[in-house]
N, C-alpha and C. Protein backbone atom coordinates (compact mmCIF):
# COMPACT_ATOMS: atom_id res chain seq x y z
N MET A 1 0.85 -1.17 0.00
CA MET A 1 0.00 0.00 0.00
C MET A 1 0.89 1.22 0.00
N GLY A 2 0.60 2.17 -0.88
CA GLY A 2 1.39 3.38 -0.99
C GLY A 2 1.13 4.32 0.17
N SER A 3 2.10 5.20 0.43
CA SER A 3 1.90 6.16 1.51
C SER A 3 0.76 7.10 1.14
N GLY A 4 0.01 7.52 2.13
CA GLY A 4 -1.09 8.44 1.88
C GLY A 4 -2.37 7.75 1.47
N VAL A 5 -2.34 6.45 1.22
CA VAL A 5 -3.54 5.72 0.84
C VAL A 5 -4.03 4.98 2.07
N LEU A 6 -5.23 5.30 2.48
CA LEU A 6 -5.82 4.63 3.63
C LEU A 6 -6.51 3.36 3.15
N GLN A 7 -6.29 2.29 3.88
CA GLN A 7 -6.95 1.05 3.55
C GLN A 7 -8.40 1.13 4.03
N ALA A 8 -9.35 0.64 3.21
CA ALA A 8 -10.74 0.63 3.63
C ALA A 8 -10.86 -0.33 4.80
N ASN A 9 -11.33 0.16 5.93
CA ASN A 9 -11.44 -0.69 7.10
C ASN A 9 -12.48 -0.13 8.05
N LEU A 10 -12.66 -0.84 9.14
CA LEU A 10 -13.52 -0.37 10.20
C LEU A 10 -12.65 0.13 11.33
N LEU A 11 -13.04 1.25 11.90
CA LEU A 11 -12.35 1.74 13.07
C LEU A 11 -12.59 0.75 14.20
N GLU A 12 -11.57 0.45 14.95
CA GLU A 12 -11.74 -0.46 16.06
C GLU A 12 -12.36 0.30 17.23
N GLN A 13 -13.48 -0.19 17.68
CA GLN A 13 -14.18 0.39 18.83
C GLN A 13 -14.35 -0.72 19.84
N LYS A 14 -14.02 -0.47 21.07
CA LYS A 14 -14.09 -1.51 22.08
C LYS A 14 -15.32 -1.39 22.98
N ASP A 15 -16.02 -0.25 22.96
CA ASP A 15 -17.08 -0.05 23.91
C ASP A 15 -18.44 -0.58 23.46
N ILE A 16 -18.69 -0.82 22.20
CA ILE A 16 -19.97 -1.35 21.72
C ILE A 16 -19.72 -2.70 21.07
N GLU A 17 -20.46 -3.69 21.52
CA GLU A 17 -20.42 -5.03 20.92
C GLU A 17 -21.69 -5.21 20.11
N PRO A 18 -21.63 -5.91 18.98
CA PRO A 18 -22.85 -6.14 18.19
C PRO A 18 -23.83 -7.02 18.96
N ILE A 19 -25.11 -6.94 18.58
CA ILE A 19 -26.11 -7.77 19.25
C ILE A 19 -25.78 -9.24 19.02
N GLY A 20 -26.15 -10.06 20.00
CA GLY A 20 -25.91 -11.49 19.93
C GLY A 20 -27.05 -12.22 19.25
N SER A 21 -26.94 -13.54 19.23
CA SER A 21 -27.91 -14.36 18.51
C SER A 21 -29.32 -14.26 19.09
N GLN A 22 -29.45 -14.09 20.41
CA GLN A 22 -30.78 -13.98 21.00
C GLN A 22 -31.50 -12.71 20.53
N GLN A 23 -30.80 -11.57 20.55
CA GLN A 23 -31.42 -10.34 20.07
C GLN A 23 -31.61 -10.37 18.56
N GLN A 24 -30.68 -11.00 17.83
CA GLN A 24 -30.87 -11.14 16.38
C GLN A 24 -32.15 -11.90 16.10
N GLN A 25 -32.41 -12.94 16.87
CA GLN A 25 -33.63 -13.72 16.68
C GLN A 25 -34.87 -12.87 16.95
N GLN A 26 -34.80 -11.99 17.95
CA GLN A 26 -35.91 -11.07 18.22
C GLN A 26 -36.16 -10.16 17.02
N VAL A 27 -35.08 -9.66 16.43
CA VAL A 27 -35.20 -8.77 15.27
C VAL A 27 -35.81 -9.53 14.09
N VAL A 28 -35.37 -10.76 13.87
CA VAL A 28 -35.92 -11.58 12.78
C VAL A 28 -37.41 -11.82 13.02
N GLN A 29 -37.79 -12.14 14.27
CA GLN A 29 -39.20 -12.38 14.58
C GLN A 29 -40.04 -11.11 14.37
N HIS A 30 -39.48 -9.97 14.75
CA HIS A 30 -40.18 -8.70 14.55
C HIS A 30 -40.34 -8.40 13.05
N THR A 31 -39.31 -8.71 12.29
CA THR A 31 -39.35 -8.55 10.83
C THR A 31 -40.47 -9.42 10.25
N LEU A 32 -40.52 -10.69 10.67
CA LEU A 32 -41.56 -11.60 10.20
C LEU A 32 -42.95 -11.13 10.62
N HIS A 33 -43.07 -10.57 11.81
CA HIS A 33 -44.35 -10.03 12.28
C HIS A 33 -44.88 -8.97 11.32
N PHE A 34 -44.01 -8.05 10.91
CA PHE A 34 -44.46 -6.98 10.00
C PHE A 34 -44.76 -7.53 8.60
N ILE A 35 -44.00 -8.52 8.16
CA ILE A 35 -44.29 -9.13 6.85
C ILE A 35 -45.66 -9.82 6.90
N GLN A 36 -45.93 -10.55 7.97
CA GLN A 36 -47.23 -11.22 8.12
C GLN A 36 -48.37 -10.21 8.21
N SER A 37 -48.13 -9.09 8.88
CA SER A 37 -49.14 -8.03 8.94
C SER A 37 -49.43 -7.50 7.55
N ALA A 38 -48.39 -7.29 6.76
CA ALA A 38 -48.56 -6.78 5.39
C ALA A 38 -49.30 -7.79 4.52
N GLU A 39 -49.06 -9.08 4.75
CA GLU A 39 -49.77 -10.10 3.98
C GLU A 39 -51.28 -10.03 4.25
N LYS A 40 -51.65 -9.75 5.49
CA LYS A 40 -53.08 -9.61 5.83
C LYS A 40 -53.65 -8.33 5.23
N ILE A 41 -52.88 -7.24 5.29
CA ILE A 41 -53.34 -5.95 4.77
C ILE A 41 -53.58 -6.03 3.26
N PHE A 42 -52.60 -6.61 2.53
CA PHE A 42 -52.67 -6.66 1.07
C PHE A 42 -53.27 -7.95 0.54
N LYS A 43 -53.63 -8.85 1.44
CA LYS A 43 -54.26 -10.11 1.06
C LYS A 43 -53.45 -10.86 0.00
N GLN A 44 -52.15 -10.94 0.25
CA GLN A 44 -51.28 -11.70 -0.64
C GLN A 44 -50.11 -12.26 0.16
N LYS A 45 -49.53 -13.30 -0.36
CA LYS A 45 -48.38 -13.95 0.28
C LYS A 45 -47.11 -13.36 -0.32
N PHE A 46 -46.16 -13.01 0.54
CA PHE A 46 -44.88 -12.47 0.09
C PHE A 46 -43.81 -13.55 0.14
N PRO A 47 -42.82 -13.47 -0.74
CA PRO A 47 -41.76 -14.48 -0.72
C PRO A 47 -40.92 -14.36 0.56
N GLU A 48 -40.22 -15.43 0.86
CA GLU A 48 -39.33 -15.43 2.02
C GLU A 48 -38.25 -14.38 1.82
N LEU A 49 -37.92 -13.68 2.88
CA LEU A 49 -36.96 -12.58 2.81
C LEU A 49 -35.79 -12.86 3.76
N PRO A 50 -34.59 -13.07 3.23
CA PRO A 50 -33.44 -13.27 4.11
C PRO A 50 -33.13 -12.01 4.92
N VAL A 51 -32.71 -12.21 6.16
CA VAL A 51 -32.32 -11.12 7.05
C VAL A 51 -30.88 -11.35 7.45
N HIS A 52 -30.05 -10.32 7.26
CA HIS A 52 -28.61 -10.41 7.58
C HIS A 52 -28.25 -9.33 8.59
N PHE A 53 -27.25 -9.60 9.38
CA PHE A 53 -26.75 -8.64 10.37
C PHE A 53 -25.31 -8.31 10.00
N ASP A 54 -25.12 -7.79 8.79
CA ASP A 54 -23.79 -7.55 8.25
C ASP A 54 -23.56 -6.11 7.82
N LEU A 55 -24.47 -5.23 8.19
CA LEU A 55 -24.35 -3.83 7.79
C LEU A 55 -23.47 -3.10 8.79
N SER A 56 -22.63 -2.21 8.29
CA SER A 56 -21.78 -1.41 9.18
C SER A 56 -21.87 0.05 8.75
N GLY A 57 -21.24 0.90 9.51
CA GLY A 57 -21.27 2.32 9.19
C GLY A 57 -22.37 3.04 9.94
N ARG A 58 -22.94 4.06 9.31
CA ARG A 58 -23.91 4.95 9.96
C ARG A 58 -25.36 4.58 9.65
N THR A 59 -25.58 3.49 8.93
CA THR A 59 -26.91 3.08 8.52
C THR A 59 -27.40 1.94 9.40
N ALA A 60 -28.59 2.07 9.96
CA ALA A 60 -29.13 1.05 10.86
C ALA A 60 -29.73 -0.13 10.10
N GLY A 61 -30.30 0.14 8.92
CA GLY A 61 -30.92 -0.92 8.15
C GLY A 61 -30.95 -0.59 6.68
N MET A 62 -31.13 -1.64 5.86
CA MET A 62 -31.14 -1.45 4.40
C MET A 62 -31.95 -2.59 3.77
N TYR A 63 -32.91 -2.22 2.93
CA TYR A 63 -33.57 -3.19 2.07
C TYR A 63 -32.78 -3.19 0.78
N LYS A 64 -32.26 -4.34 0.41
CA LYS A 64 -31.36 -4.43 -0.75
C LYS A 64 -31.94 -5.38 -1.79
N VAL A 65 -31.88 -4.93 -3.05
CA VAL A 65 -32.33 -5.75 -4.17
C VAL A 65 -31.19 -5.85 -5.17
N VAL A 66 -30.84 -7.09 -5.53
CA VAL A 66 -29.85 -7.32 -6.57
C VAL A 66 -30.47 -8.33 -7.53
N GLY A 67 -30.77 -7.87 -8.73
CA GLY A 67 -31.44 -8.74 -9.68
C GLY A 67 -32.82 -9.09 -9.17
N ARG A 68 -33.07 -10.39 -9.04
CA ARG A 68 -34.36 -10.85 -8.52
C ARG A 68 -34.29 -11.22 -7.04
N ARG A 69 -33.13 -11.06 -6.46
CA ARG A 69 -32.95 -11.43 -5.05
C ARG A 69 -32.99 -10.18 -4.18
N SER A 70 -33.60 -10.32 -3.03
CA SER A 70 -33.66 -9.21 -2.09
C SER A 70 -33.39 -9.71 -0.69
N CYS A 71 -33.02 -8.78 0.18
CA CYS A 71 -32.79 -9.11 1.59
C CYS A 71 -32.88 -7.83 2.40
N ILE A 72 -32.95 -8.00 3.71
CA ILE A 72 -32.84 -6.88 4.61
C ILE A 72 -31.54 -7.07 5.38
N ARG A 73 -30.78 -5.99 5.47
CA ARG A 73 -29.52 -5.98 6.21
C ARG A 73 -29.68 -5.02 7.39
N TYR A 74 -29.25 -5.48 8.56
CA TYR A 74 -29.29 -4.64 9.76
C TYR A 74 -27.87 -4.45 10.30
N ASN A 75 -27.67 -3.33 10.96
CA ASN A 75 -26.38 -3.00 11.57
C ASN A 75 -26.43 -3.47 13.03
N PRO A 76 -25.70 -4.56 13.37
CA PRO A 76 -25.79 -5.11 14.73
C PRO A 76 -25.19 -4.20 15.80
N TRP A 77 -24.32 -3.27 15.44
CA TRP A 77 -23.74 -2.35 16.41
C TRP A 77 -24.74 -1.25 16.78
N ILE A 78 -25.41 -0.70 15.76
CA ILE A 78 -26.41 0.33 16.05
C ILE A 78 -27.58 -0.28 16.81
N PHE A 79 -27.97 -1.49 16.44
CA PHE A 79 -29.03 -2.17 17.18
C PHE A 79 -28.62 -2.40 18.63
N ALA A 80 -27.34 -2.70 18.87
CA ALA A 80 -26.87 -2.92 20.24
C ALA A 80 -26.98 -1.66 21.07
N LYS A 81 -26.69 -0.52 20.47
CA LYS A 81 -26.72 0.73 21.22
C LYS A 81 -28.13 1.26 21.40
N TYR A 82 -28.99 1.04 20.40
CA TYR A 82 -30.36 1.56 20.43
C TYR A 82 -31.34 0.47 20.03
N PHE A 83 -31.39 -0.60 20.81
CA PHE A 83 -32.16 -1.78 20.41
C PHE A 83 -33.65 -1.48 20.24
N GLU A 84 -34.29 -0.92 21.25
CA GLU A 84 -35.74 -0.68 21.18
C GLU A 84 -36.10 0.29 20.06
N GLN A 85 -35.32 1.38 19.92
CA GLN A 85 -35.62 2.35 18.87
C GLN A 85 -35.54 1.71 17.49
N ASN A 86 -34.56 0.84 17.28
CA ASN A 86 -34.42 0.19 15.98
C ASN A 86 -35.45 -0.92 15.77
N LEU A 87 -35.78 -1.62 16.84
CA LEU A 87 -36.80 -2.66 16.74
C LEU A 87 -38.13 -2.04 16.31
N ASN A 88 -38.44 -0.87 16.87
CA ASN A 88 -39.72 -0.21 16.58
C ASN A 88 -39.67 0.77 15.41
N GLY A 89 -38.48 1.15 14.96
CA GLY A 89 -38.37 2.12 13.88
C GLY A 89 -37.73 1.55 12.62
N THR A 90 -36.53 1.01 12.77
CA THR A 90 -35.80 0.50 11.59
C THR A 90 -36.46 -0.73 10.99
N VAL A 91 -36.91 -1.66 11.84
CA VAL A 91 -37.51 -2.90 11.31
C VAL A 91 -38.74 -2.61 10.46
N PRO A 92 -39.74 -1.87 10.95
CA PRO A 92 -40.89 -1.60 10.06
C PRO A 92 -40.51 -0.75 8.85
N HIS A 93 -39.53 0.13 9.00
CA HIS A 93 -39.06 0.97 7.89
C HIS A 93 -38.57 0.09 6.74
N GLU A 94 -37.69 -0.86 7.06
CA GLU A 94 -37.13 -1.72 6.00
C GLU A 94 -38.15 -2.70 5.46
N VAL A 95 -39.00 -3.23 6.33
CA VAL A 95 -40.06 -4.13 5.85
C VAL A 95 -41.01 -3.37 4.93
N ALA A 96 -41.29 -2.11 5.23
CA ALA A 96 -42.16 -1.31 4.37
C ALA A 96 -41.56 -1.17 2.97
N HIS A 97 -40.23 -1.02 2.88
CA HIS A 97 -39.59 -0.98 1.55
C HIS A 97 -39.82 -2.30 0.81
N PHE A 98 -39.67 -3.41 1.52
CA PHE A 98 -39.90 -4.73 0.92
C PHE A 98 -41.34 -4.86 0.43
N VAL A 99 -42.28 -4.45 1.25
CA VAL A 99 -43.71 -4.56 0.90
C VAL A 99 -44.02 -3.71 -0.32
N VAL A 100 -43.53 -2.48 -0.34
CA VAL A 100 -43.76 -1.60 -1.49
C VAL A 100 -43.16 -2.22 -2.75
N ASP A 101 -41.99 -2.82 -2.64
CA ASP A 101 -41.36 -3.48 -3.78
C ASP A 101 -42.26 -4.61 -4.29
N GLN A 102 -42.80 -5.41 -3.38
CA GLN A 102 -43.62 -6.55 -3.77
C GLN A 102 -44.97 -6.12 -4.35
N VAL A 103 -45.55 -5.08 -3.79
CA VAL A 103 -46.89 -4.67 -4.21
C VAL A 103 -46.87 -3.76 -5.43
N TYR A 104 -45.94 -2.79 -5.44
CA TYR A 104 -45.94 -1.76 -6.49
C TYR A 104 -44.75 -1.84 -7.44
N GLY A 105 -43.66 -2.44 -7.00
CA GLY A 105 -42.42 -2.43 -7.78
C GLY A 105 -41.62 -1.19 -7.44
N LEU A 106 -40.34 -1.36 -7.18
CA LEU A 106 -39.50 -0.24 -6.72
C LEU A 106 -39.34 0.86 -7.77
N ARG A 107 -39.33 0.50 -9.02
CA ARG A 107 -39.07 1.50 -10.06
C ARG A 107 -40.29 2.38 -10.33
N ARG A 108 -41.43 2.00 -9.80
CA ARG A 108 -42.65 2.74 -10.08
C ARG A 108 -43.00 3.77 -9.02
N VAL A 109 -42.33 3.71 -7.87
CA VAL A 109 -42.67 4.61 -6.77
C VAL A 109 -41.41 5.21 -6.16
N LYS A 110 -41.58 6.31 -5.44
CA LYS A 110 -40.46 6.93 -4.75
C LYS A 110 -40.13 6.11 -3.51
N PRO A 111 -38.84 6.06 -3.12
CA PRO A 111 -38.43 5.23 -1.97
C PRO A 111 -39.21 5.52 -0.69
N HIS A 112 -39.47 6.77 -0.38
CA HIS A 112 -40.23 7.13 0.81
C HIS A 112 -41.50 7.89 0.43
N GLY A 113 -42.07 7.45 -0.69
CA GLY A 113 -43.25 8.12 -1.24
C GLY A 113 -44.53 7.74 -0.52
N LEU A 114 -45.63 8.09 -1.14
CA LEU A 114 -46.95 7.90 -0.53
C LEU A 114 -47.25 6.44 -0.23
N GLU A 115 -46.85 5.54 -1.12
CA GLU A 115 -47.11 4.11 -0.91
C GLU A 115 -46.37 3.61 0.33
N TRP A 116 -45.10 3.98 0.44
CA TRP A 116 -44.28 3.58 1.60
C TRP A 116 -44.85 4.19 2.88
N GLN A 117 -45.23 5.46 2.82
CA GLN A 117 -45.81 6.12 3.99
C GLN A 117 -47.11 5.45 4.43
N ALA A 118 -47.91 5.00 3.46
CA ALA A 118 -49.17 4.32 3.77
C ALA A 118 -48.89 2.99 4.48
N VAL A 119 -47.88 2.26 4.02
CA VAL A 119 -47.52 0.99 4.67
C VAL A 119 -47.05 1.27 6.10
N MET A 120 -46.22 2.30 6.27
CA MET A 120 -45.75 2.65 7.61
C MET A 120 -46.94 3.00 8.52
N ALA A 121 -47.93 3.71 7.99
CA ALA A 121 -49.11 4.05 8.77
C ALA A 121 -49.87 2.79 9.17
N GLU A 122 -50.00 1.84 8.24
CA GLU A 122 -50.65 0.57 8.55
C GLU A 122 -49.91 -0.18 9.67
N PHE A 123 -48.59 -0.05 9.68
CA PHE A 123 -47.78 -0.69 10.72
C PHE A 123 -47.85 0.07 12.05
N GLY A 124 -48.38 1.29 12.02
CA GLY A 124 -48.40 2.11 13.21
C GLY A 124 -47.02 2.63 13.57
N ALA A 125 -46.19 2.81 12.56
CA ALA A 125 -44.80 3.23 12.77
C ALA A 125 -44.59 4.65 12.25
N ASP A 126 -43.61 5.32 12.81
CA ASP A 126 -43.25 6.68 12.40
C ASP A 126 -42.66 6.63 11.00
N ALA A 127 -43.16 7.48 10.10
CA ALA A 127 -42.68 7.50 8.72
C ALA A 127 -41.48 8.42 8.53
N GLY A 128 -40.82 8.82 9.60
CA GLY A 128 -39.58 9.58 9.47
C GLY A 128 -38.52 8.71 8.81
N VAL A 129 -37.72 9.30 7.95
CA VAL A 129 -36.79 8.48 7.16
C VAL A 129 -35.39 8.38 7.76
N THR A 130 -35.05 9.24 8.71
CA THR A 130 -33.72 9.17 9.32
C THR A 130 -33.83 9.38 10.81
N PHE A 131 -32.79 8.98 11.49
CA PHE A 131 -32.73 9.26 12.91
C PHE A 131 -31.43 9.99 13.19
N ASP A 132 -31.42 10.74 14.28
CA ASP A 132 -30.24 11.52 14.63
C ASP A 132 -29.79 11.11 16.02
N LEU A 133 -29.14 9.96 16.09
CA LEU A 133 -28.67 9.43 17.37
C LEU A 133 -27.15 9.49 17.43
N ASN A 134 -26.64 9.56 18.62
CA ASN A 134 -25.20 9.58 18.83
C ASN A 134 -24.61 8.21 18.47
N LEU A 135 -23.70 8.18 17.52
CA LEU A 135 -23.12 6.91 17.08
C LEU A 135 -21.69 6.71 17.60
N ASP A 136 -21.33 7.42 18.68
CA ASP A 136 -20.02 7.19 19.29
C ASP A 136 -19.92 5.73 19.71
N GLY A 137 -18.80 5.13 19.42
CA GLY A 137 -18.58 3.73 19.77
C GLY A 137 -19.04 2.75 18.71
N ILE A 138 -19.68 3.23 17.66
CA ILE A 138 -20.14 2.37 16.57
C ILE A 138 -19.04 2.34 15.51
N PRO A 139 -18.63 1.14 15.06
CA PRO A 139 -17.60 1.08 14.02
C PRO A 139 -18.06 1.80 12.75
N GLN A 140 -17.18 2.62 12.20
CA GLN A 140 -17.48 3.38 10.99
C GLN A 140 -16.56 2.92 9.87
N ARG A 141 -17.10 2.83 8.68
CA ARG A 141 -16.27 2.47 7.53
C ARG A 141 -15.51 3.69 7.07
N ARG A 142 -14.32 3.46 6.60
CA ARG A 142 -13.54 4.52 5.97
C ARG A 142 -13.26 4.11 4.54
N GLN A 143 -13.49 5.02 3.65
CA GLN A 143 -13.25 4.73 2.24
C GLN A 143 -11.77 4.94 1.93
N ALA A 144 -11.23 4.06 1.13
CA ALA A 144 -9.83 4.18 0.73
C ALA A 144 -9.63 5.47 -0.05
N ARG A 145 -8.47 6.06 0.06
CA ARG A 145 -8.11 7.28 -0.68
C ARG A 145 -6.95 6.93 -1.61
N HIS A 146 -6.91 7.57 -2.76
CA HIS A 146 -5.86 7.32 -3.76
C HIS A 146 -5.21 8.64 -4.14
N ARG A 147 -3.90 8.59 -4.31
CA ARG A 147 -3.14 9.80 -4.63
C ARG A 147 -3.20 10.09 -6.12
N TYR A 148 -3.55 11.32 -6.44
CA TYR A 148 -3.57 11.82 -7.81
C TYR A 148 -2.76 13.12 -7.82
N GLN A 149 -2.18 13.41 -8.97
CA GLN A 149 -1.32 14.60 -9.11
C GLN A 149 -1.83 15.44 -10.28
N CYS A 150 -1.78 16.75 -10.09
CA CYS A 150 -2.00 17.69 -11.19
C CYS A 150 -0.71 18.49 -11.29
N SER A 151 -0.70 19.57 -12.03
CA SER A 151 0.54 20.34 -12.17
C SER A 151 0.86 21.19 -10.94
N CYS A 152 -0.10 21.37 -10.02
CA CYS A 152 0.17 22.24 -8.88
C CYS A 152 0.16 21.57 -7.52
N GLN A 153 -0.46 20.38 -7.40
CA GLN A 153 -0.54 19.76 -6.07
C GLN A 153 -0.93 18.29 -6.15
N THR A 154 -0.89 17.64 -4.99
CA THR A 154 -1.34 16.26 -4.85
C THR A 154 -2.76 16.26 -4.30
N HIS A 155 -3.59 15.37 -4.83
CA HIS A 155 -4.98 15.26 -4.39
C HIS A 155 -5.22 13.86 -3.84
N ASN A 156 -5.97 13.76 -2.76
CA ASN A 156 -6.42 12.47 -2.25
C ASN A 156 -7.83 12.25 -2.73
N VAL A 157 -8.00 11.29 -3.62
CA VAL A 157 -9.27 11.04 -4.30
C VAL A 157 -9.94 9.82 -3.67
N SER A 158 -11.25 9.89 -3.48
CA SER A 158 -11.99 8.77 -2.88
C SER A 158 -11.93 7.54 -3.78
N ALA A 159 -12.15 6.38 -3.17
CA ALA A 159 -12.16 5.13 -3.93
C ALA A 159 -13.24 5.14 -5.01
N THR A 160 -14.37 5.77 -4.73
CA THR A 160 -15.45 5.86 -5.71
C THR A 160 -14.98 6.60 -6.96
N ARG A 161 -14.38 7.75 -6.76
CA ARG A 161 -13.90 8.53 -7.91
C ARG A 161 -12.74 7.81 -8.61
N HIS A 162 -11.85 7.22 -7.83
CA HIS A 162 -10.73 6.47 -8.41
C HIS A 162 -11.26 5.36 -9.33
N ASN A 163 -12.27 4.62 -8.86
CA ASN A 163 -12.83 3.53 -9.66
C ASN A 163 -13.47 4.05 -10.94
N ARG A 164 -14.10 5.20 -10.90
CA ARG A 164 -14.66 5.80 -12.11
C ARG A 164 -13.57 6.11 -13.13
N VAL A 165 -12.47 6.64 -12.64
CA VAL A 165 -11.35 6.96 -13.54
C VAL A 165 -10.78 5.68 -14.13
N GLN A 166 -10.62 4.65 -13.29
CA GLN A 166 -10.05 3.39 -13.77
C GLN A 166 -10.93 2.71 -14.81
N ARG A 167 -12.23 2.86 -14.68
CA ARG A 167 -13.17 2.29 -15.66
C ARG A 167 -13.31 3.18 -16.89
N ARG A 168 -12.60 4.30 -16.89
CA ARG A 168 -12.63 5.29 -17.98
C ARG A 168 -14.03 5.89 -18.16
N ASN A 169 -14.77 5.99 -17.04
CA ASN A 169 -16.09 6.63 -17.08
C ASN A 169 -15.98 8.14 -17.03
N CYS A 170 -14.87 8.65 -16.45
CA CYS A 170 -14.73 10.09 -16.33
C CYS A 170 -13.28 10.45 -15.98
N ALA A 171 -13.02 11.73 -16.02
CA ALA A 171 -11.71 12.27 -15.61
C ALA A 171 -11.98 13.44 -14.69
N TYR A 172 -11.04 13.70 -13.79
CA TYR A 172 -11.19 14.81 -12.86
C TYR A 172 -10.09 15.83 -13.10
N HIS A 173 -10.41 17.10 -12.85
CA HIS A 173 -9.46 18.18 -13.06
C HIS A 173 -9.36 19.02 -11.79
N CYS A 174 -8.20 19.61 -11.60
CA CYS A 174 -7.95 20.47 -10.45
C CYS A 174 -8.73 21.77 -10.61
N VAL A 175 -9.37 22.22 -9.53
CA VAL A 175 -10.12 23.46 -9.62
C VAL A 175 -9.18 24.67 -9.63
N ARG A 176 -7.96 24.49 -9.15
CA ARG A 176 -7.02 25.62 -9.10
C ARG A 176 -6.31 25.81 -10.44
N CYS A 177 -5.64 24.75 -10.95
CA CYS A 177 -4.86 24.91 -12.19
C CYS A 177 -5.56 24.35 -13.42
N ARG A 178 -6.71 23.69 -13.21
CA ARG A 178 -7.49 23.07 -14.28
C ARG A 178 -6.76 21.90 -14.96
N GLY A 179 -5.67 21.45 -14.36
CA GLY A 179 -4.93 20.32 -14.91
C GLY A 179 -5.66 19.00 -14.63
N LYS A 180 -5.48 18.05 -15.53
CA LYS A 180 -6.09 16.73 -15.35
C LYS A 180 -5.40 16.01 -14.21
N LEU A 181 -6.19 15.35 -13.36
CA LEU A 181 -5.62 14.56 -12.26
C LEU A 181 -5.12 13.24 -12.80
N VAL A 182 -3.88 12.90 -12.46
CA VAL A 182 -3.24 11.67 -12.93
C VAL A 182 -2.92 10.81 -11.72
N TYR A 183 -3.30 9.54 -11.80
CA TYR A 183 -3.07 8.60 -10.70
C TYR A 183 -1.59 8.36 -10.48
N THR A 184 -1.17 8.44 -9.23
CA THR A 184 0.23 8.18 -8.87
C THR A 184 0.26 7.08 -7.82
N PRO A 185 0.37 5.81 -8.28
CA PRO A 185 0.32 4.66 -7.34
C PRO A 185 1.45 4.70 -6.31
């Protein structure tokens, strides 16, 4: 690894431990409860939905779709710090995304649009889309940085931008000298 390039990793935090298998099972059961409620509301059966506890960073939950497969991912560290708030807020939030996907299709509606809000209302859950809780002690992801050079200075470019350059999707220029940024491994 070159100097100045940070490796993508998680900050080591010793004060918060992720939820264990017993609490994970509670979260899975709560997830299934909301799915079963939605099946009664919409009078249809929904496919089985995998639940994972592999999310990290500042996000408590995520409904993820790749191709025809979908799952819900939860952040076990945030759940450990704010278990009840996430059980009552994040779980119905993510299940509502799943339900909207199954009933309306994700491409046809806004992520937190009227359909999603209606499902949240049926669940008796707050339709707020974010929470503002203290995440001290929660492991945070850091994105790798890559060194680029222009004619006047060195730039630390995010992994996202670096990957775009490597795929030849775009080029970046210095705002000061207008020179093209060139990767310096």
